Amino acid sequence: MILVLKGAGTIIAEPDGMTHLNMTGNAGMAKGGSGDVLAGMIGSFLAQGIEPAKAAMAAVYLHGMAGDRCAAEFSQCAMLPTDLINMLPKLFLEIER
C-alpha cells in the first residue's frame, strides 16, 4: 500500500519505509475538490499500468505543478480545482516534448 499525505510538502510513503517529499503546489490548492483531482490522477496512472509508487509520485508532482501554474495565472485565492484539470494538458505537452 502506498500512502500519500497531502499537505504543504506532500509525502509519499512506500511499504518498505522509503519516503518521498514533493514540494510542488501551494496553499491555493487547499480547497474542496483538489484532493479529488489528485486521487483521479493517481487512479488514472494506475489504470494505465504504472507501478503504484511511481503513479503516486508522478501524480503528486504534476498536480502540484498544475497548482503552481494556476496560482501564477489566476492567484492562489481565485484558483479552483477545475483550473488544475484544465492546466494538465499543457503540462503533459511540455513533458512529451
C-alpha atoms as a PDB file:
ATOM      1  CA  MET A   1       0.000   0.000   0.000  1.00  0.00           C
ATOM      2  CA  ILE A   2       1.235   3.479  -0.865  1.00  0.00           C
ATOM      3  CA  LEU A   3       0.378   6.379   1.442  1.00  0.00           C
ATOM      4  CA  VAL A   4       0.013   9.937   0.138  1.00  0.00           C
ATOM      5  CA  LEU A   5      -0.094  12.571   2.879  1.00  0.00           C
ATOM      6  CA  LYS A   6      -1.251  15.718   1.108  1.00  0.00           C
ATOM      7  CA  GLY A   7      -0.040  18.958   2.615  1.00  0.00           C
ATOM      8  CA  ALA A   8       2.371  21.868   2.247  1.00  0.00           C
ATOM      9  CA  GLY A   9       5.019  19.292   1.377  1.00  0.00           C
ATOM     10  CA  THR A  10       3.218  16.157   0.203  1.00  0.00           C
ATOM     11  CA  ILE A  11       4.760  12.915   1.447  1.00  0.00           C
ATOM     12  CA  ILE A  12       4.563   9.636  -0.464  1.00  0.00           C
ATOM     13  CA  ALA A  13       5.388   6.601   1.690  1.00  0.00           C
ATOM     14  CA  GLU A  14       6.122   3.133   0.314  1.00  0.00           C
ATOM     15  CA  PRO A  15       5.587  -0.157   2.179  1.00  0.00           C
ATOM     16  CA  ASP A  16       9.353  -0.689   2.598  1.00  0.00           C
ATOM     17  CA  GLY A  17       9.635   2.580   4.541  1.00  0.00           C
ATOM     18  CA  MET A  18      11.003   4.646   1.645  1.00  0.00           C
ATOM     19  CA  THR A  19       9.520   8.144   1.701  1.00  0.00           C
ATOM     20  CA  HIS A  20       9.481  10.893  -0.891  1.00  0.00           C
ATOM     21  CA  LEU A  21       8.786  14.593  -0.312  1.00  0.00           C
ATOM     22  CA  ASN A  22       7.213  16.670  -3.063  1.00  0.00           C
ATOM     23  CA  MET A  23       7.447  20.441  -2.820  1.00  0.00           C
ATOM     24  CA  THR A  24       5.336  21.482  -5.813  1.00  0.00           C
ATOM     25  CA  GLY A  25       1.969  23.028  -5.034  1.00  0.00           C
ATOM     26  CA  ASN A  26       0.760  25.900  -2.908  1.00  0.00           C
ATOM     27  CA  ALA A  27      -1.854  26.998  -0.369  1.00  0.00           C
ATOM     28  CA  GLY A  28      -4.314  27.854  -3.138  1.00  0.00           C
ATOM     29  CA  MET A  29      -4.860  24.129  -3.560  1.00  0.00           C
ATOM     30  CA  ALA A  30      -6.362  23.850  -0.060  1.00  0.00           C
ATOM     31  CA  LYS A  31      -9.884  23.873  -1.462  1.00  0.00           C
ATOM     32  CA  GLY A  32     -12.567  21.231  -1.657  1.00  0.00           C
ATOM     33  CA  GLY A  33     -12.038  19.125  -4.754  1.00  0.00           C
ATOM     34  CA  SER A  34      -8.266  19.485  -5.113  1.00  0.00           C
ATOM     35  CA  GLY A  35      -7.666  16.154  -3.414  1.00  0.00           C
ATOM     36  CA  ASP A  36     -10.266  14.549  -5.672  1.00  0.00           C
ATOM     37  CA  VAL A  37      -8.284  15.746  -8.684  1.00  0.00           C
ATOM     38  CA  LEU A  38      -5.145  14.146  -7.218  1.00  0.00           C
ATOM     39  CA  ALA A  39      -6.954  10.883  -6.453  1.00  0.00           C
ATOM     40  CA  GLY A  40      -8.276  10.766 -10.013  1.00  0.00           C
ATOM     41  CA  MET A  41      -4.802  11.337 -11.401  1.00  0.00           C
ATOM     42  CA  ILE A  42      -3.338   8.531  -9.299  1.00  0.00           C
ATOM     43  CA  GLY A  43      -6.165   6.224 -10.333  1.00  0.00           C
ATOM     44  CA  SER A  44      -5.668   7.105 -13.980  1.00  0.00           C
ATOM     45  CA  PHE A  45      -1.942   6.383 -13.838  1.00  0.00           C
ATOM     46  CA  LEU A  46      -2.609   3.058 -12.101  1.00  0.00           C
ATOM     47  CA  ALA A  47      -5.175   2.132 -14.766  1.00  0.00           C
ATOM     48  CA  GLN A  48      -2.504   2.806 -17.390  1.00  0.00           C
ATOM     49  CA  GLY A  49      -0.280   0.194 -15.756  1.00  0.00           C
ATOM     50  CA  ILE A  50       2.143   2.493 -13.958  1.00  0.00           C
ATOM     51  CA  GLU A  51       3.668   0.979 -10.812  1.00  0.00           C
ATOM     52  CA  PRO A  52       1.795   2.284  -7.705  1.00  0.00           C
ATOM     53  CA  ALA A  53       4.694   4.235  -6.142  1.00  0.00           C
ATOM     54  CA  LYS A  54       5.633   5.827  -9.459  1.00  0.00           C
ATOM     55  CA  ALA A  55       1.977   6.598 -10.186  1.00  0.00           C
ATOM     56  CA  ALA A  56       1.635   8.373  -6.845  1.00  0.00           C
ATOM     57  CA  MET A  57       4.895  10.309  -7.252  1.00  0.00           C
ATOM     58  CA  ALA A  58       4.097  11.396 -10.804  1.00  0.00           C
ATOM     59  CA  ALA A  59       0.538  12.402  -9.949  1.00  0.00           C
ATOM     60  CA  VAL A  60       1.586  14.354  -6.856  1.00  0.00           C
ATOM     61  CA  TYR A  61       4.305  16.191  -8.768  1.00  0.00           C
ATOM     62  CA  LEU A  62       2.100  17.056 -11.762  1.00  0.00           C
ATOM     63  CA  HIS A  63      -0.820  18.009  -9.503  1.00  0.00           C
ATOM     64  CA  GLY A  64       1.458  20.415  -7.636  1.00  0.00           C
ATOM     65  CA  MET A  65       2.941  21.824 -10.839  1.00  0.00           C
ATOM     66  CA  ALA A  66      -0.570  22.436 -12.168  1.00  0.00           C
ATOM     67  CA  GLY A  67      -1.344  24.212  -8.900  1.00  0.00           C
ATOM     68  CA  ASP A  68       1.738  26.395  -9.171  1.00  0.00           C
ATOM     69  CA  ARG A  69       0.864  27.343 -12.740  1.00  0.00           C
ATOM     70  CA  CYS A  70      -2.732  28.110 -11.760  1.00  0.00           C
ATOM     71  CA  ALA A  71      -1.573  30.293  -8.870  1.00  0.00           C
ATOM     72  CA  ALA A  72       0.633  32.263 -11.266  1.00  0.00           C
ATOM     73  CA  GLU A  73      -2.204  32.684 -13.751  1.00  0.00           C
ATOM     74  CA  PHE A  74      -5.257  33.137 -11.501  1.00  0.00           C
ATOM     75  CA  SER A  75      -3.819  33.747  -7.970  1.00  0.00           C
ATOM     76  CA  GLN A  76      -3.940  31.358  -5.058  1.00  0.00           C
ATOM     77  CA  CYS A  77      -7.180  32.872  -3.839  1.00  0.00           C
ATOM     78  CA  ALA A  78      -9.039  32.646  -7.140  1.00  0.00           C
ATOM     79  CA  MET A  79      -7.826  29.292  -8.496  1.00  0.00           C
ATOM     80  CA  LEU A  80     -10.230  26.347  -8.485  1.00  0.00           C
ATOM     81  CA  PRO A  81      -9.817  22.576  -8.766  1.00  0.00           C
ATOM     82  CA  THR A  82     -11.238  22.756 -12.290  1.00  0.00           C
ATOM     83  CA  ASP A  83      -8.349  25.073 -13.167  1.00  0.00           C
ATOM     84  CA  LEU A  84      -5.949  22.305 -12.121  1.00  0.00           C
ATOM     85  CA  ILE A  85      -7.653  19.899 -14.509  1.00  0.00           C
ATOM     86  CA  ASN A  86      -7.550  22.419 -17.328  1.00  0.00           C
ATOM     87  CA  MET A  87      -3.830  23.047 -16.760  1.00  0.00           C
ATOM     88  CA  LEU A  88      -2.842  19.376 -17.081  1.00  0.00           C
ATOM     89  CA  PRO A  89      -2.893  19.097 -20.899  1.00  0.00           C
ATOM     90  CA  LYS A  90      -0.346  21.934 -21.122  1.00  0.00           C
ATOM     91  CA  LEU A  91       1.925  20.155 -18.643  1.00  0.00           C
ATOM     92  CA  PHE A  92       1.635  16.836 -20.473  1.00  0.00           C
ATOM     93  CA  LEU A  93       2.549  18.529 -23.756  1.00  0.00           C
ATOM     94  CA  GLU A  94       5.647  20.046 -22.159  1.00  0.00           C
ATOM     95  CA  ILE A  95       6.713  16.658 -20.786  1.00  0.00           C
ATOM     96  CA  GLU A  96       6.134  14.926 -24.116  1.00  0.00           C
ATOM     97  CA  ARG A  97       8.359  17.435 -25.909  1.00  0.00           C
END
